[in-house]
Amino acid sequence: MKMSIRSKTAMVSACAAALLLAACGNSGEAPAAGEQASASANIEATAEVGEKFSNYATGFNELISTFGVAYQYDRYQTMNVASAQPTATLNFPSQSSVLERALTSLKAGRAVNAGNQVASADAAADKLIQNLEGLLAKYKELGPYYETRAYRDDALAKGKAADAEMKSLFEATLKSIDELDVVLTEQDRAQSAQRIEALRKAGEDNAANLLQATSRAELLVSKAGQGDFAAGDTLVTQLEADLAKLRESSAKMDDGDMNKSWYTSIVTNLTSLIGQYRDTKQSPSDSNQEALINNYNQVVNDMNRIQMPG
């Protein structure tokens, strides 16, 4: 499976939604380095908008988690229903609770009235909700059929008849996840840019530099996933300058500052990320891209532990 950037297991941090990246799937085009996020840049950061996007991101988290839709689709495909024999032991994916939790969060987000400014996010959520509901309906129909081995009584007739639809539902759901990803990524980048500007105006340069570096790292990983290494190289130069500032500021922190260890960890992981990016540029294999994504996710985990000002 081609590795690409599908952002957003959004872990809410004090600065904004710090978003993890999933290692497989497809995604839309991300803004080029230096570009402003377009539609979402004008979205006012109201409490309703924050609540809506937080719920959407939480649902997205579930769907791209370890046992999310891509994992479950892979498991379903290994059953090889079309050519399977009823004498075989067929293990149908059993993680429907992941889909149910995601659906609950997505519906909660959809119910928040944040006005027409979030229409693109709501449209993407509507499509994903519809596909998830269809997928869950098939889970409820086929789960007991496979778990009780009832397919041995009908020579797998029901399973074979439903196989094409099941695959179609998985693929439609994955596509809808990618479409929501595009909207959430755009919104996150716009909010990060606004937050960085606000921090600088407030004189909080250390926090602004930290958020700038992690935002730049997310875009770097995205560009690597797209194979755009020209833009990636520019981002590396900028990120190395960010790191120089972070090393200087973290060295000046008091040892008792609870943020110091996390700053140090973030600097270490961002440094490793640059090395992993160069490995990926030299050999853009699935394993190298996955390692790059995992490295970035560790940065996010650390970022969510930072006590940000305000």
Foldseek 3Di string as FASTA:
>chain_A
DAFAWQKFLFDQAPLGTLIATAGDADADDDDFPPDALPLLLPQDPDPLVRLLLVLLRPLLNLQRDPLHLVVQLVLQVVQVLQPDWLVDQRDHRDVLVSLVSSLVSLVSSLPRPRDPSCVQLNVLSVQLNVLSVVLSVVCVVCVVCNVVSVCSVVRSPVVNVCVVVNSVSSVSNSVSSNSNSRVSLSNRLSSLVVSLVVCVVVVNNLLSLLSVLLSLLSVLLNCLSVVNVVSNVVSLVVNVVSLVVLVVVLVPDDPPPPLSVLSVVLSVLSVVLSVLSVVCNVPVDSVSSVVSSVSSVVSSVSSRVHDDDD
